[in-house]
Amino acid sequence: MKNSIYCLLAFLLFGTIGCKDDPIPKPRAMLRLEYPQQEYAQMQTDCPFEFDYNQLSQPQIQEGCNLILDYKEMKGSIYISYKPVEGNLKELLSDAQKLSYEHVVKADNILEQPFINGDDRVYGMFYEVKGDAASQSQFYVTDSANHFVTGSLYFYAKPNYDSILPAAIYLQRDIRRIVESIRWTQTNP
């Protein structure tokens, strides 16, 4: 009698398990982060340049026409620095390029994208850095005679390219907008 009860329990237990559908592997999923649509306003300061900035950021104007566009939700900031050109254009260009290529140790790739706006005398370079580098994007623009502006994107955390990629792409669009919208408000600083 005991054996028949054990056989019945074993049949019920293993019989119901065997009747289920075969497991189907689930497709790979990626985290989907959605950021608000960019809304731009013109940054006007006492500095000799102006540009469009994303209103999601919190601008902070520092000494010497240095600015920080802080994106608290994305835990990142765009740092913008201004320097007058005083016969030192080659040095300024060299420093900006050297700064971009200091990330080559951790970067998988650095894409250079030149920018030329001859009508407004704005010439520069946008660097997109791929990989676990400290800065994901950098740029410089100049009028080649009086003004030189550099910018860099940094996140508050240790870089992990896969994790910060959606935010980096969003902020790279903002940086491109900054570069494309820079206008010199003074001919001489």
N, C-alpha and C. Protein backbone atom coordinates (compact mmCIF):
# COMPACT_ATOMS: atom_id res chain seq x y z
N MET A 1 0.82 -1.18 0.00
CA MET A 1 0.00 0.00 0.00
C MET A 1 0.89 1.27 0.00
N LYS A 2 1.95 1.22 0.82
CA LYS A 2 2.85 2.36 0.85
C LYS A 2 3.47 2.58 -0.53
N ASN A 3 3.85 1.48 -1.16
CA ASN A 3 4.47 1.61 -2.48
C ASN A 3 3.51 2.22 -3.49
N SER A 4 2.21 1.85 -3.41
CA SER A 4 1.25 2.42 -4.37
C SER A 4 1.05 3.91 -4.13
N ILE A 5 1.10 4.35 -2.87
CA ILE A 5 0.95 5.78 -2.58
C ILE A 5 2.17 6.52 -3.11
N TYR A 6 3.39 5.96 -2.88
CA TYR A 6 4.60 6.60 -3.39
C TYR A 6 4.58 6.67 -4.92
N CYS A 7 4.11 5.59 -5.54
CA CYS A 7 4.05 5.58 -7.01
C CYS A 7 3.04 6.61 -7.50
N LEU A 8 1.90 6.74 -6.84
CA LEU A 8 0.88 7.71 -7.22
C LEU A 8 1.40 9.13 -7.05
N LEU A 9 2.07 9.42 -5.92
CA LEU A 9 2.64 10.75 -5.70
C LEU A 9 3.73 11.06 -6.72
N ALA A 10 4.58 10.08 -6.99
CA ALA A 10 5.65 10.28 -7.98
C ALA A 10 5.05 10.53 -9.35
N PHE A 11 4.00 9.80 -9.70
CA PHE A 11 3.34 9.99 -11.00
C PHE A 11 2.72 11.39 -11.09
N LEU A 12 2.03 11.79 -10.03
CA LEU A 12 1.41 13.12 -10.03
C LEU A 12 2.47 14.23 -10.09
N LEU A 13 3.52 14.06 -9.31
CA LEU A 13 4.56 15.08 -9.27
C LEU A 13 5.29 15.18 -10.61
N PHE A 14 5.79 14.07 -11.13
CA PHE A 14 6.55 14.11 -12.36
C PHE A 14 5.65 14.20 -13.59
N GLY A 15 4.45 13.76 -13.49
CA GLY A 15 3.51 13.84 -14.61
C GLY A 15 3.11 15.27 -14.89
N THR A 16 2.90 16.08 -13.85
CA THR A 16 2.49 17.47 -14.07
C THR A 16 3.66 18.32 -14.55
N ILE A 17 4.87 17.99 -14.12
CA ILE A 17 6.04 18.75 -14.57
C ILE A 17 6.28 18.49 -16.04
N GLY A 18 6.12 17.29 -16.47
CA GLY A 18 6.39 16.92 -17.85
C GLY A 18 5.37 17.49 -18.82
N CYS A 19 4.21 17.93 -18.35
CA CYS A 19 3.16 18.42 -19.24
C CYS A 19 3.33 19.90 -19.60
N LYS A 20 4.23 20.58 -18.95
CA LYS A 20 4.41 22.01 -19.23
C LYS A 20 5.12 22.18 -20.57
N ASP A 21 4.92 23.38 -21.16
CA ASP A 21 5.60 23.71 -22.42
C ASP A 21 7.10 23.82 -22.18
N ASP A 22 7.83 23.57 -23.26
CA ASP A 22 9.28 23.71 -23.17
C ASP A 22 9.62 25.19 -22.92
N PRO A 23 10.64 25.44 -22.12
CA PRO A 23 11.02 26.84 -21.88
C PRO A 23 11.56 27.47 -23.16
N ILE A 24 11.19 28.72 -23.36
CA ILE A 24 11.65 29.47 -24.53
C ILE A 24 12.58 30.57 -24.03
N PRO A 25 13.76 30.66 -24.59
CA PRO A 25 14.67 31.72 -24.14
C PRO A 25 14.10 33.10 -24.49
N LYS A 26 14.29 34.04 -23.59
CA LYS A 26 13.79 35.39 -23.82
C LYS A 26 14.81 36.17 -24.63
N PRO A 27 14.33 37.10 -25.45
CA PRO A 27 15.29 37.90 -26.23
C PRO A 27 16.11 38.80 -25.32
N ARG A 28 17.30 39.16 -25.80
CA ARG A 28 18.15 40.07 -25.04
C ARG A 28 17.45 41.41 -24.89
N ALA A 29 17.55 41.97 -23.73
CA ALA A 29 16.92 43.26 -23.48
C ALA A 29 17.98 44.28 -23.12
N MET A 30 17.71 45.51 -23.48
CA MET A 30 18.60 46.60 -23.15
C MET A 30 17.80 47.61 -22.33
N LEU A 31 18.47 48.24 -21.41
CA LEU A 31 17.84 49.27 -20.60
C LEU A 31 17.49 50.44 -21.51
N ARG A 32 16.26 50.89 -21.43
CA ARG A 32 15.84 52.00 -22.27
C ARG A 32 15.71 53.24 -21.40
N LEU A 33 16.56 54.20 -21.66
CA LEU A 33 16.52 55.46 -20.94
C LEU A 33 15.96 56.52 -21.87
N GLU A 34 15.00 57.24 -21.39
CA GLU A 34 14.42 58.30 -22.19
C GLU A 34 14.69 59.63 -21.51
N TYR A 35 15.21 60.55 -22.28
CA TYR A 35 15.51 61.88 -21.77
C TYR A 35 14.54 62.86 -22.41
N PRO A 36 14.29 63.98 -21.76
CA PRO A 36 13.35 64.95 -22.34
C PRO A 36 13.88 65.53 -23.65
N GLN A 37 12.96 65.96 -24.47
CA GLN A 37 13.33 66.63 -25.72
C GLN A 37 14.14 67.88 -25.40
N GLN A 38 15.20 68.10 -26.15
CA GLN A 38 16.03 69.26 -25.90
C GLN A 38 15.29 70.55 -26.25
N GLU A 39 15.35 71.51 -25.34
CA GLU A 39 14.81 72.84 -25.58
C GLU A 39 15.95 73.82 -25.34
N TYR A 40 16.26 74.60 -26.35
CA TYR A 40 17.43 75.46 -26.30
C TYR A 40 17.07 76.92 -26.07
N ALA A 41 17.94 77.61 -25.39
CA ALA A 41 17.86 79.05 -25.20
C ALA A 41 19.25 79.61 -25.46
N GLN A 42 19.32 80.90 -25.69
CA GLN A 42 20.62 81.51 -25.97
C GLN A 42 21.29 81.93 -24.68
N MET A 43 22.53 81.50 -24.50
CA MET A 43 23.33 81.87 -23.34
C MET A 43 23.97 83.21 -23.64
N GLN A 44 23.56 84.21 -22.88
CA GLN A 44 24.13 85.54 -23.05
C GLN A 44 24.79 85.94 -21.74
N THR A 45 26.06 86.28 -21.85
CA THR A 45 26.84 86.67 -20.68
C THR A 45 27.65 87.91 -21.04
N ASP A 46 28.50 88.31 -20.14
CA ASP A 46 29.42 89.42 -20.43
C ASP A 46 30.64 88.92 -21.21
N CYS A 47 30.68 87.65 -21.51
CA CYS A 47 31.79 87.07 -22.25
C CYS A 47 31.68 87.46 -23.73
N PRO A 48 32.78 87.37 -24.47
CA PRO A 48 32.76 87.79 -25.87
C PRO A 48 32.17 86.75 -26.84
N PHE A 49 31.34 85.86 -26.34
CA PHE A 49 30.68 84.88 -27.21
C PHE A 49 29.33 84.52 -26.61
N GLU A 50 28.46 83.99 -27.45
CA GLU A 50 27.16 83.48 -27.01
C GLU A 50 26.89 82.18 -27.77
N PHE A 51 25.98 81.38 -27.24
CA PHE A 51 25.66 80.10 -27.87
C PHE A 51 24.32 79.61 -27.33
N ASP A 52 23.78 78.58 -27.97
CA ASP A 52 22.54 77.95 -27.51
C ASP A 52 22.90 76.85 -26.51
N TYR A 53 22.12 76.75 -25.44
CA TYR A 53 22.34 75.70 -24.46
C TYR A 53 21.00 75.04 -24.13
N ASN A 54 21.07 73.80 -23.71
CA ASN A 54 19.89 73.03 -23.34
C ASN A 54 19.37 73.54 -21.99
N GLN A 55 18.10 73.89 -21.93
CA GLN A 55 17.52 74.42 -20.69
C GLN A 55 17.41 73.38 -19.59
N LEU A 56 17.62 72.12 -19.92
CA LEU A 56 17.67 71.07 -18.90
C LEU A 56 18.89 71.25 -18.00
N SER A 57 19.94 71.85 -18.56
CA SER A 57 21.17 72.05 -17.78
C SER A 57 21.03 73.26 -16.86
N GLN A 58 21.88 73.26 -15.86
CA GLN A 58 21.93 74.39 -14.93
C GLN A 58 23.26 75.09 -15.15
N PRO A 59 23.24 76.24 -15.85
CA PRO A 59 24.49 76.95 -16.15
C PRO A 59 25.08 77.61 -14.92
N GLN A 60 26.39 77.54 -14.83
CA GLN A 60 27.13 78.22 -13.76
C GLN A 60 28.26 78.99 -14.44
N ILE A 61 28.25 80.30 -14.27
CA ILE A 61 29.29 81.13 -14.86
C ILE A 61 30.38 81.34 -13.82
N GLN A 62 31.61 81.04 -14.22
CA GLN A 62 32.75 81.14 -13.33
C GLN A 62 33.62 82.32 -13.75
N GLU A 63 34.72 82.50 -13.07
CA GLU A 63 35.65 83.57 -13.40
C GLU A 63 36.28 83.38 -14.77
N GLY A 64 36.57 84.47 -15.44
CA GLY A 64 37.30 84.41 -16.70
C GLY A 64 36.52 83.81 -17.85
N CYS A 65 35.22 83.93 -17.84
CA CYS A 65 34.35 83.40 -18.91
C CYS A 65 34.44 81.88 -19.03
N ASN A 66 34.59 81.21 -17.92
CA ASN A 66 34.51 79.76 -17.87
C ASN A 66 33.10 79.42 -17.40
N LEU A 67 32.50 78.41 -18.05
CA LEU A 67 31.13 78.04 -17.73
C LEU A 67 31.03 76.54 -17.48
N ILE A 68 30.04 76.18 -16.69
CA ILE A 68 29.71 74.77 -16.47
C ILE A 68 28.23 74.61 -16.76
N LEU A 69 27.90 73.69 -17.65
CA LEU A 69 26.51 73.32 -17.88
C LEU A 69 26.30 72.00 -17.16
N ASP A 70 25.62 72.06 -16.03
CA ASP A 70 25.48 70.89 -15.15
C ASP A 70 24.16 70.18 -15.45
N TYR A 71 24.24 68.90 -15.75
CA TYR A 71 23.08 68.04 -16.02
C TYR A 71 22.95 67.09 -14.84
N LYS A 72 22.27 67.52 -13.80
CA LYS A 72 22.18 66.73 -12.56
C LYS A 72 21.51 65.38 -12.79
N GLU A 73 20.45 65.33 -13.60
CA GLU A 73 19.73 64.07 -13.83
C GLU A 73 20.61 63.02 -14.50
N MET A 74 21.54 63.48 -15.33
CA MET A 74 22.41 62.55 -16.04
C MET A 74 23.76 62.40 -15.36
N LYS A 75 23.95 63.12 -14.27
CA LYS A 75 25.20 63.06 -13.52
C LYS A 75 26.40 63.37 -14.41
N GLY A 76 26.27 64.47 -15.15
CA GLY A 76 27.35 64.89 -16.03
C GLY A 76 27.36 66.40 -16.19
N SER A 77 28.47 66.90 -16.71
CA SER A 77 28.62 68.34 -16.92
C SER A 77 29.44 68.59 -18.19
N ILE A 78 29.12 69.71 -18.84
CA ILE A 78 29.92 70.20 -19.95
C ILE A 78 30.68 71.41 -19.42
N TYR A 79 32.00 71.34 -19.49
CA TYR A 79 32.86 72.43 -19.02
C TYR A 79 33.31 73.22 -20.24
N ILE A 80 33.10 74.55 -20.20
CA ILE A 80 33.46 75.41 -21.31
C ILE A 80 34.44 76.46 -20.80
N SER A 81 35.55 76.63 -21.52
CA SER A 81 36.58 77.60 -21.14
C SER A 81 36.85 78.55 -22.29
N TYR A 82 37.07 79.80 -21.95
CA TYR A 82 37.40 80.82 -22.94
C TYR A 82 38.80 81.36 -22.69
N LYS A 83 39.53 81.56 -23.79
CA LYS A 83 40.85 82.20 -23.69
C LYS A 83 40.97 83.16 -24.87
N PRO A 84 41.48 84.35 -24.61
CA PRO A 84 41.73 85.25 -25.73
C PRO A 84 42.97 84.79 -26.52
N VAL A 85 42.93 85.02 -27.82
CA VAL A 85 44.08 84.71 -28.66
C VAL A 85 44.97 85.95 -28.66
N GLU A 86 46.18 85.77 -28.18
CA GLU A 86 47.14 86.88 -28.07
C GLU A 86 48.46 86.45 -28.69
N GLY A 87 48.40 86.07 -29.96
CA GLY A 87 49.62 85.59 -30.63
C GLY A 87 49.97 84.17 -30.22
N ASN A 88 49.07 83.49 -29.52
CA ASN A 88 49.36 82.14 -29.00
C ASN A 88 48.41 81.08 -29.57
N LEU A 89 47.90 81.31 -30.77
CA LEU A 89 46.93 80.37 -31.36
C LEU A 89 47.51 78.97 -31.50
N LYS A 90 48.76 78.85 -31.92
CA LYS A 90 49.37 77.52 -32.08
C LYS A 90 49.42 76.77 -30.74
N GLU A 91 49.77 77.48 -29.67
CA GLU A 91 49.79 76.85 -28.34
C GLU A 91 48.40 76.42 -27.91
N LEU A 92 47.41 77.28 -28.13
CA LEU A 92 46.03 76.95 -27.73
C LEU A 92 45.52 75.73 -28.50
N LEU A 93 45.79 75.70 -29.80
CA LEU A 93 45.39 74.54 -30.62
C LEU A 93 46.11 73.28 -30.16
N SER A 94 47.39 73.39 -29.90
CA SER A 94 48.17 72.24 -29.46
C SER A 94 47.65 71.70 -28.12
N ASP A 95 47.37 72.61 -27.18
CA ASP A 95 46.84 72.19 -25.88
C ASP A 95 45.49 71.50 -26.01
N ALA A 96 44.60 72.05 -26.85
CA ALA A 96 43.27 71.46 -27.04
C ALA A 96 43.37 70.07 -27.66
N GLN A 97 44.24 69.92 -28.65
CA GLN A 97 44.40 68.62 -29.29
C GLN A 97 45.07 67.63 -28.36
N LYS A 98 46.05 68.09 -27.60
CA LYS A 98 46.74 67.21 -26.64
C LYS A 98 45.76 66.71 -25.58
N LEU A 99 44.91 67.60 -25.09
CA LEU A 99 43.92 67.22 -24.08
C LEU A 99 42.99 66.12 -24.61
N SER A 100 42.58 66.25 -25.86
CA SER A 100 41.69 65.25 -26.45
C SER A 100 42.39 63.90 -26.58
N TYR A 101 43.65 63.92 -26.94
CA TYR A 101 44.36 62.66 -27.17
C TYR A 101 44.98 62.08 -25.90
N GLU A 102 44.88 62.77 -24.76
CA GLU A 102 45.30 62.16 -23.50
C GLU A 102 44.39 60.99 -23.13
N HIS A 103 43.19 60.96 -23.71
CA HIS A 103 42.23 59.89 -23.41
C HIS A 103 42.45 58.65 -24.28
N VAL A 104 43.43 58.69 -25.17
CA VAL A 104 43.64 57.59 -26.09
C VAL A 104 44.02 56.29 -25.35
N VAL A 105 44.56 56.39 -24.16
CA VAL A 105 44.94 55.21 -23.39
C VAL A 105 43.71 54.36 -23.07
N LYS A 106 42.63 54.99 -22.65
CA LYS A 106 41.41 54.27 -22.28
C LYS A 106 40.40 54.20 -23.42
N ALA A 107 40.54 55.05 -24.42
CA ALA A 107 39.55 55.13 -25.49
C ALA A 107 39.72 53.97 -26.48
N ASP A 108 38.59 53.53 -27.02
CA ASP A 108 38.62 52.55 -28.09
C ASP A 108 38.86 53.24 -29.42
N ASN A 109 38.34 54.46 -29.54
CA ASN A 109 38.46 55.21 -30.78
C ASN A 109 38.17 56.68 -30.50
N ILE A 110 38.80 57.57 -31.24
CA ILE A 110 38.53 59.00 -31.15
C ILE A 110 38.22 59.48 -32.56
N LEU A 111 36.99 59.97 -32.75
CA LEU A 111 36.57 60.46 -34.06
C LEU A 111 36.70 61.98 -34.08
N GLU A 112 37.39 62.50 -35.07
CA GLU A 112 37.54 63.95 -35.24
C GLU A 112 36.53 64.41 -36.28
N GLN A 113 35.80 65.46 -35.96
CA GLN A 113 34.84 66.02 -36.89
C GLN A 113 35.07 67.52 -36.99
N PRO A 114 35.68 68.00 -38.09
CA PRO A 114 35.95 69.43 -38.22
C PRO A 114 34.65 70.23 -38.39
N PHE A 115 34.70 71.48 -37.94
CA PHE A 115 33.56 72.38 -38.07
C PHE A 115 34.04 73.70 -38.67
N ILE A 116 33.34 74.17 -39.71
CA ILE A 116 33.69 75.44 -40.34
C ILE A 116 32.40 76.23 -40.59
N ASN A 117 32.36 77.44 -40.05
CA ASN A 117 31.29 78.39 -40.32
C ASN A 117 31.98 79.69 -40.74
N GLY A 118 32.26 79.80 -42.02
CA GLY A 118 33.00 80.95 -42.54
C GLY A 118 32.25 82.26 -42.40
N ASP A 119 30.92 82.23 -42.48
CA ASP A 119 30.14 83.46 -42.36
C ASP A 119 30.32 84.13 -41.01
N ASP A 120 30.36 83.34 -39.94
CA ASP A 120 30.49 83.88 -38.59
C ASP A 120 31.90 83.73 -38.03
N ARG A 121 32.84 83.29 -38.87
CA ARG A 121 34.23 83.10 -38.46
C ARG A 121 34.36 82.18 -37.24
N VAL A 122 33.76 81.02 -37.33
CA VAL A 122 33.85 80.02 -36.28
C VAL A 122 34.43 78.75 -36.91
N TYR A 123 35.61 78.36 -36.44
CA TYR A 123 36.30 77.20 -36.97
C TYR A 123 36.70 76.31 -35.79
N GLY A 124 36.55 75.02 -35.95
CA GLY A 124 36.91 74.18 -34.82
C GLY A 124 36.90 72.70 -35.13
N MET A 125 36.91 71.93 -34.04
CA MET A 125 36.95 70.47 -34.13
C MET A 125 36.11 69.89 -32.99
N PHE A 126 35.35 68.85 -33.32
CA PHE A 126 34.57 68.10 -32.33
C PHE A 126 35.19 66.71 -32.25
N TYR A 127 35.49 66.27 -31.02
CA TYR A 127 36.07 64.95 -30.79
C TYR A 127 35.05 64.08 -30.08
N GLU A 128 34.73 62.95 -30.68
CA GLU A 128 33.86 61.96 -30.04
C GLU A 128 34.75 60.82 -29.57
N VAL A 129 34.76 60.59 -28.27
CA VAL A 129 35.64 59.59 -27.68
C VAL A 129 34.81 58.35 -27.33
N LYS A 130 35.19 57.22 -27.87
CA LYS A 130 34.46 55.96 -27.60
C LYS A 130 35.29 55.11 -26.67
N GLY A 131 34.63 54.49 -25.71
CA GLY A 131 35.32 53.63 -24.76
C GLY A 131 35.23 54.19 -23.35
N ASP A 132 36.00 53.61 -22.44
CA ASP A 132 35.93 53.97 -21.02
C ASP A 132 36.85 55.14 -20.67
N ALA A 133 36.89 56.15 -21.50
CA ALA A 133 37.71 57.33 -21.24
C ALA A 133 37.00 58.26 -20.26
N ALA A 134 37.75 59.15 -19.65
CA ALA A 134 37.18 60.07 -18.66
C ALA A 134 36.21 61.05 -19.31
N SER A 135 36.51 61.50 -20.52
CA SER A 135 35.65 62.45 -21.23
C SER A 135 35.15 61.81 -22.51
N GLN A 136 33.85 61.87 -22.75
CA GLN A 136 33.27 61.24 -23.94
C GLN A 136 33.24 62.16 -25.15
N SER A 137 33.35 63.46 -24.92
CA SER A 137 33.33 64.43 -26.02
C SER A 137 34.14 65.65 -25.64
N GLN A 138 34.77 66.23 -26.65
CA GLN A 138 35.51 67.47 -26.45
C GLN A 138 35.42 68.28 -27.72
N PHE A 139 35.63 69.58 -27.60
CA PHE A 139 35.63 70.43 -28.77
C PHE A 139 36.48 71.67 -28.53
N TYR A 140 36.82 72.32 -29.62
CA TYR A 140 37.37 73.67 -29.55
C TYR A 140 36.87 74.44 -30.76
N VAL A 141 36.69 75.74 -30.59
CA VAL A 141 36.33 76.64 -31.68
C VAL A 141 37.12 77.93 -31.51
N THR A 142 37.38 78.58 -32.64
CA THR A 142 38.14 79.82 -32.63
C THR A 142 37.76 80.66 -33.84
N ASP A 143 38.09 81.94 -33.78
CA ASP A 143 37.96 82.79 -34.96
C ASP A 143 39.33 83.00 -35.60
N SER A 144 40.34 82.36 -35.04
CA SER A 144 41.73 82.38 -35.50
C SER A 144 42.44 83.71 -35.25
N ALA A 145 41.75 84.70 -34.64
CA ALA A 145 42.40 85.99 -34.43
C ALA A 145 42.28 86.49 -33.00
N ASN A 146 41.07 86.32 -32.39
CA ASN A 146 40.83 86.91 -31.07
C ASN A 146 40.32 85.95 -30.00
N HIS A 147 39.58 84.93 -30.41
CA HIS A 147 38.84 84.11 -29.43
C HIS A 147 39.16 82.63 -29.58
N PHE A 148 39.14 81.94 -28.43
CA PHE A 148 39.36 80.49 -28.42
C PHE A 148 38.51 79.89 -27.30
N VAL A 149 37.63 78.96 -27.65
CA VAL A 149 36.74 78.31 -26.68
C VAL A 149 36.95 76.81 -26.75
N THR A 150 37.11 76.18 -25.60
CA THR A 150 37.21 74.72 -25.53
C THR A 150 36.08 74.19 -24.64
N GLY A 151 35.74 72.93 -24.83
CA GLY A 151 34.71 72.32 -24.01
C GLY A 151 34.94 70.83 -23.87
N SER A 152 34.51 70.29 -22.73
CA SER A 152 34.67 68.86 -22.45
C SER A 152 33.46 68.35 -21.69
N LEU A 153 33.10 67.11 -21.95
CA LEU A 153 32.01 66.44 -21.25
C LEU A 153 32.59 65.45 -20.25
N TYR A 154 32.16 65.57 -19.00
CA TYR A 154 32.59 64.64 -17.96
C TYR A 154 31.38 64.17 -17.17
N PHE A 155 31.42 62.91 -16.76
CA PHE A 155 30.39 62.35 -15.89
C PHE A 155 30.93 62.25 -14.47
N TYR A 156 30.03 62.25 -13.49
CA TYR A 156 30.43 62.24 -12.08
C TYR A 156 30.98 60.89 -11.64
N ALA A 157 30.76 59.84 -12.40
CA ALA A 157 31.12 58.49 -11.98
C ALA A 157 32.29 57.97 -12.80
N LYS A 158 32.88 56.87 -12.33
CA LYS A 158 33.93 56.20 -13.08
C LYS A 158 33.34 55.78 -14.43
N PRO A 159 34.05 56.05 -15.52
CA PRO A 159 33.47 55.78 -16.84
C PRO A 159 33.26 54.29 -17.11
N ASN A 160 32.06 53.97 -17.51
CA ASN A 160 31.71 52.65 -18.00
C ASN A 160 30.90 52.92 -19.27
N TYR A 161 31.53 52.76 -20.40
CA TYR A 161 30.99 53.21 -21.68
C TYR A 161 29.57 52.69 -21.93
N ASP A 162 29.33 51.42 -21.65
CA ASP A 162 28.00 50.86 -21.90
C ASP A 162 26.93 51.54 -21.05
N SER A 163 27.27 51.88 -19.83
CA SER A 163 26.29 52.48 -18.92
C SER A 163 26.00 53.94 -19.26
N ILE A 164 27.02 54.69 -19.65
CA ILE A 164 26.82 56.12 -19.88
C ILE A 164 26.50 56.45 -21.34
N LEU A 165 26.51 55.46 -22.22
CA LEU A 165 26.32 55.72 -23.64
C LEU A 165 25.05 56.51 -23.96
N PRO A 166 23.87 56.15 -23.42
CA PRO A 166 22.67 56.94 -23.76
C PRO A 166 22.81 58.41 -23.35
N ALA A 167 23.33 58.67 -22.17
CA ALA A 167 23.51 60.04 -21.72
C ALA A 167 24.59 60.74 -22.55
N ALA A 168 25.65 60.02 -22.90
CA ALA A 168 26.72 60.61 -23.70
C ALA A 168 26.20 61.03 -25.08
N ILE A 169 25.38 60.21 -25.69
CA ILE A 169 24.81 60.54 -27.00
C ILE A 169 23.93 61.78 -26.89
N TYR A 170 23.10 61.84 -25.86
CA TYR A 170 22.22 62.99 -25.63
C TYR A 170 23.06 64.27 -25.47
N LEU A 171 24.09 64.21 -24.65
CA LEU A 171 24.91 65.39 -24.38
C LEU A 171 25.81 65.75 -25.57
N GLN A 172 26.18 64.78 -26.39
CA GLN A 172 26.94 65.09 -27.60
C GLN A 172 26.11 65.93 -28.56
N ARG A 173 24.80 65.67 -28.62
CA ARG A 173 23.93 66.51 -29.44
C ARG A 173 23.94 67.95 -28.93
N ASP A 174 23.94 68.10 -27.60
CA ASP A 174 24.00 69.44 -27.01
C ASP A 174 25.32 70.12 -27.34
N ILE A 175 26.41 69.38 -27.29
CA ILE A 175 27.72 69.95 -27.60
C ILE A 175 27.77 70.38 -29.06
N ARG A 176 27.24 69.56 -29.94
CA ARG A 176 27.22 69.94 -31.36
C ARG A 176 26.41 71.22 -31.55
N ARG A 177 25.31 71.35 -30.82
CA ARG A 177 24.49 72.57 -30.90
C ARG A 177 25.29 73.77 -30.39
N ILE A 178 26.03 73.59 -29.32
CA ILE A 178 26.88 74.68 -28.81
C ILE A 178 27.87 75.13 -29.89
N VAL A 179 28.57 74.16 -30.48
CA VAL A 179 29.57 74.46 -31.51
C VAL A 179 28.91 75.17 -32.70
N GLU A 180 27.78 74.67 -33.15
CA GLU A 180 27.12 75.23 -34.32
C GLU A 180 26.53 76.61 -34.06
N SER A 181 26.22 76.92 -32.80
CA SER A 181 25.54 78.19 -32.51
C SER A 181 26.45 79.27 -31.92
N ILE A 182 27.72 78.96 -31.69
CA ILE A 182 28.62 79.98 -31.12
C ILE A 182 28.75 81.16 -32.08
N ARG A 183 28.60 82.33 -31.51
CA ARG A 183 28.78 83.59 -32.24
C ARG A 183 29.65 84.49 -31.38
N TRP A 184 30.55 85.21 -32.00
CA TRP A 184 31.43 86.14 -31.29
C TRP A 184 30.67 87.45 -31.12
N THR A 185 30.58 87.96 -29.90
CA THR A 185 29.85 89.20 -29.65
C THR A 185 30.77 90.41 -29.62
N GLN A 186 32.07 90.17 -29.57
CA GLN A 186 33.05 91.24 -29.61
C GLN A 186 34.14 90.87 -30.60
N THR A 187 34.59 91.87 -31.35
CA THR A 187 35.68 91.57 -32.28
C THR A 187 37.00 91.44 -31.55
N ASN A 188 37.19 92.21 -30.54
CA ASN A 188 38.40 92.11 -29.72
C ASN A 188 37.99 91.89 -28.28
N PRO A 189 38.65 90.94 -27.56
CA PRO A 189 38.26 90.69 -26.17
C PRO A 189 38.58 91.85 -25.26
